Amino acid sequence: MIPLSSAIIAVLGLYYFVGHWNDYFTGLIYIRTDTKQPLQMVLQNILLANQTQQGGAGNGGQSALQQQQLADQIKYGVIIVSTAPLLILYPFLQKYFNKGVMIGAVKG
């Protein structure tokens, strides 16, 4: 029975991983020390700190443009860091998705 349900186990495992990987609310509620925060909380703090720096008084047009470009680069970096493990894990589990679709197919 386990070999036939390997596709379902892979899908449920991936959904479980994605749900816990993107969960920042549990860390926000239960963890009070900054050194033990999960990655999503650290990334959120980076984005919020960058946003508050953008809210300050601007010195000039060129400086404001450079600050906005730096803020955008930090946002893009945070997106890459938060999605990289999922992008690495998915190709290894994709064969189980295809296998699960083909098991239920009718040939003829």
C-alpha atoms as a PDB file:
ATOM      1  CA  MET A   1       0.000   0.000   0.000  1.00  0.00           C
ATOM      2  CA  ILE A   2       2.890   2.395   0.722  1.00  0.00           C
ATOM      3  CA  PRO A   3       4.351   2.229  -2.830  1.00  0.00           C
ATOM      4  CA  LEU A   4       0.970   3.152  -4.311  1.00  0.00           C
ATOM      5  CA  SER A   5       0.497   6.070  -1.925  1.00  0.00           C
ATOM      6  CA  SER A   6       3.985   7.547  -2.395  1.00  0.00           C
ATOM      7  CA  ALA A   7       2.554  10.304  -4.600  1.00  0.00           C
ATOM      8  CA  ILE A   8       0.063  11.346  -1.923  1.00  0.00           C
ATOM      9  CA  ILE A   9       2.734  11.240   0.770  1.00  0.00           C
ATOM     10  CA  ALA A  10       5.007  13.456  -1.365  1.00  0.00           C
ATOM     11  CA  VAL A  11       2.220  15.976  -2.024  1.00  0.00           C
ATOM     12  CA  LEU A  12       1.190  16.124   1.633  1.00  0.00           C
ATOM     13  CA  GLY A  13       4.827  16.467   2.698  1.00  0.00           C
ATOM     14  CA  LEU A  14       5.365  19.340   0.264  1.00  0.00           C
ATOM     15  CA  TYR A  15       2.190  21.116   1.416  1.00  0.00           C
ATOM     16  CA  TYR A  16       3.192  20.640   5.043  1.00  0.00           C
ATOM     17  CA  PHE A  17       6.677  22.030   4.335  1.00  0.00           C
ATOM     18  CA  VAL A  18       5.337  25.059   2.444  1.00  0.00           C
ATOM     19  CA  GLY A  19       2.824  25.801   5.186  1.00  0.00           C
ATOM     20  CA  HIS A  20       5.436  25.737   7.913  1.00  0.00           C
ATOM     21  CA  TRP A  21       8.096  27.470   5.832  1.00  0.00           C
ATOM     22  CA  ASN A  22       5.876  30.491   5.196  1.00  0.00           C
ATOM     23  CA  ASP A  23       4.452  30.604   8.737  1.00  0.00           C
ATOM     24  CA  TYR A  24       5.652  33.677  10.563  1.00  0.00           C
ATOM     25  CA  PHE A  25       2.647  34.239  12.819  1.00  0.00           C
ATOM     26  CA  THR A  26       3.512  31.381  15.186  1.00  0.00           C
ATOM     27  CA  GLY A  27       6.996  32.790  15.662  1.00  0.00           C
ATOM     28  CA  LEU A  28       5.519  36.222  16.192  1.00  0.00           C
ATOM     29  CA  ILE A  29       3.278  34.979  18.994  1.00  0.00           C
ATOM     30  CA  TYR A  30       5.439  32.485  20.870  1.00  0.00           C
ATOM     31  CA  ILE A  31       9.092  33.476  20.409  1.00  0.00           C
ATOM     32  CA  ARG A  32      10.228  36.584  22.251  1.00  0.00           C
ATOM     33  CA  THR A  33      14.027  36.450  21.857  1.00  0.00           C
ATOM     34  CA  ASP A  34      15.466  37.914  18.672  1.00  0.00           C
ATOM     35  CA  THR A  35      18.136  35.227  18.328  1.00  0.00           C
ATOM     36  CA  LYS A  36      15.569  32.399  18.065  1.00  0.00           C
ATOM     37  CA  GLN A  37      13.200  33.929  15.526  1.00  0.00           C
ATOM     38  CA  PRO A  38      12.376  31.913  12.408  1.00  0.00           C
ATOM     39  CA  LEU A  39      13.653  33.011   9.012  1.00  0.00           C
ATOM     40  CA  GLN A  40      10.355  34.560   7.930  1.00  0.00           C
ATOM     41  CA  MET A  41      10.377  36.874  10.958  1.00  0.00           C
ATOM     42  CA  VAL A  42      13.931  37.990  10.203  1.00  0.00           C
ATOM     43  CA  LEU A  43      13.011  38.675   6.585  1.00  0.00           C
ATOM     44  CA  GLN A  44       9.935  40.613   7.649  1.00  0.00           C
ATOM     45  CA  ASN A  45      12.047  42.721  10.028  1.00  0.00           C
ATOM     46  CA  ILE A  46      14.474  43.476   7.190  1.00  0.00           C
ATOM     47  CA  LEU A  47      11.620  44.642   4.959  1.00  0.00           C
ATOM     48  CA  LEU A  48      10.049  46.751   7.711  1.00  0.00           C
ATOM     49  CA  ALA A  49      13.369  48.362   8.632  1.00  0.00           C
ATOM     50  CA  ASN A  50      13.979  49.170   4.981  1.00  0.00           C
ATOM     51  CA  GLN A  51      10.491  50.667   4.660  1.00  0.00           C
ATOM     52  CA  THR A  52      10.945  52.928   7.694  1.00  0.00           C
ATOM     53  CA  GLN A  53      14.241  54.178   6.302  1.00  0.00           C
ATOM     54  CA  GLN A  54      12.398  55.105   3.099  1.00  0.00           C
ATOM     55  CA  GLY A  55       9.904  57.171   5.094  1.00  0.00           C
ATOM     56  CA  GLY A  56      12.581  59.625   6.276  1.00  0.00           C
ATOM     57  CA  ALA A  57      13.214  63.036   4.800  1.00  0.00           C
ATOM     58  CA  GLY A  58      14.852  62.986   1.371  1.00  0.00           C
ATOM     59  CA  ASN A  59      18.005  64.973   0.643  1.00  0.00           C
ATOM     60  CA  GLY A  60      17.680  65.168  -3.102  1.00  0.00           C
ATOM     61  CA  GLY A  61      16.384  63.566  -6.249  1.00  0.00           C
ATOM     62  CA  GLN A  62      19.426  61.410  -7.021  1.00  0.00           C
ATOM     63  CA  SER A  63      19.804  60.223  -3.428  1.00  0.00           C
ATOM     64  CA  ALA A  64      16.139  59.283  -3.230  1.00  0.00           C
ATOM     65  CA  LEU A  65      16.452  57.337  -6.494  1.00  0.00           C
ATOM     66  CA  GLN A  66      19.462  55.427  -5.197  1.00  0.00           C
ATOM     67  CA  GLN A  67      17.683  54.664  -1.935  1.00  0.00           C
ATOM     68  CA  GLN A  68      14.661  53.359  -3.827  1.00  0.00           C
ATOM     69  CA  GLN A  69      16.875  51.135  -6.002  1.00  0.00           C
ATOM     70  CA  LEU A  70      18.595  49.770  -2.904  1.00  0.00           C
ATOM     71  CA  ALA A  71      15.228  49.135  -1.250  1.00  0.00           C
ATOM     72  CA  ASP A  72      14.026  47.256  -4.329  1.00  0.00           C
ATOM     73  CA  GLN A  73      17.199  45.136  -4.392  1.00  0.00           C
ATOM     74  CA  ILE A  74      16.721  44.224  -0.731  1.00  0.00           C
ATOM     75  CA  LYS A  75      13.094  43.237  -1.398  1.00  0.00           C
ATOM     76  CA  TYR A  76      14.118  41.056  -4.340  1.00  0.00           C
ATOM     77  CA  GLY A  77      16.852  39.430  -2.278  1.00  0.00           C
ATOM     78  CA  VAL A  78      14.363  38.620   0.480  1.00  0.00           C
ATOM     79  CA  ILE A  79      12.045  37.023  -2.080  1.00  0.00           C
ATOM     80  CA  ILE A  80      14.856  34.839  -3.437  1.00  0.00           C
ATOM     81  CA  VAL A  81      15.951  33.750   0.055  1.00  0.00           C
ATOM     82  CA  SER A  82      12.414  32.852   1.062  1.00  0.00           C
ATOM     83  CA  THR A  83      11.601  30.849  -2.089  1.00  0.00           C
ATOM     84  CA  ALA A  84      14.959  29.146  -2.780  1.00  0.00           C
ATOM     85  CA  PRO A  85      14.374  26.021  -0.631  1.00  0.00           C
ATOM     86  CA  LEU A  86      10.995  25.447  -2.256  1.00  0.00           C
ATOM     87  CA  LEU A  87      12.492  25.837  -5.725  1.00  0.00           C
ATOM     88  CA  ILE A  88      15.231  23.363  -4.833  1.00  0.00           C
ATOM     89  CA  LEU A  89      12.858  20.812  -3.280  1.00  0.00           C
ATOM     90  CA  TYR A  90      10.109  20.819  -5.913  1.00  0.00           C
ATOM     91  CA  PRO A  91      12.027  19.182  -8.836  1.00  0.00           C
ATOM     92  CA  PHE A  92      12.848  16.186  -6.645  1.00  0.00           C
ATOM     93  CA  LEU A  93       9.181  15.703  -5.739  1.00  0.00           C
ATOM     94  CA  GLN A  94       7.814  16.391  -9.224  1.00  0.00           C
ATOM     95  CA  LYS A  95       8.294  12.767 -10.309  1.00  0.00           C
ATOM     96  CA  TYR A  96       5.827  11.721  -7.605  1.00  0.00           C
ATOM     97  CA  PHE A  97       3.243  14.191  -8.901  1.00  0.00           C
ATOM     98  CA  ASN A  98       3.509  12.774 -12.407  1.00  0.00           C
ATOM     99  CA  LYS A  99       3.409   9.230 -11.071  1.00  0.00           C
ATOM    100  CA  GLY A 100       0.250   9.948  -9.075  1.00  0.00           C
ATOM    101  CA  VAL A 101      -1.485  11.372 -12.137  1.00  0.00           C
ATOM    102  CA  MET A 102      -0.518   8.376 -14.269  1.00  0.00           C
ATOM    103  CA  ILE A 103      -1.682   5.795 -11.690  1.00  0.00           C
ATOM    104  CA  GLY A 104      -5.274   6.954 -11.964  1.00  0.00           C
ATOM    105  CA  ALA A 105      -5.232   7.262 -15.766  1.00  0.00           C
ATOM    106  CA  VAL A 106      -7.318   4.927 -17.888  1.00  0.00           C
ATOM    107  CA  LYS A 107      -5.476   3.361 -20.796  1.00  0.00           C
ATOM    108  CA  GLY A 108      -7.244   2.203 -23.838  1.00  0.00           C
END
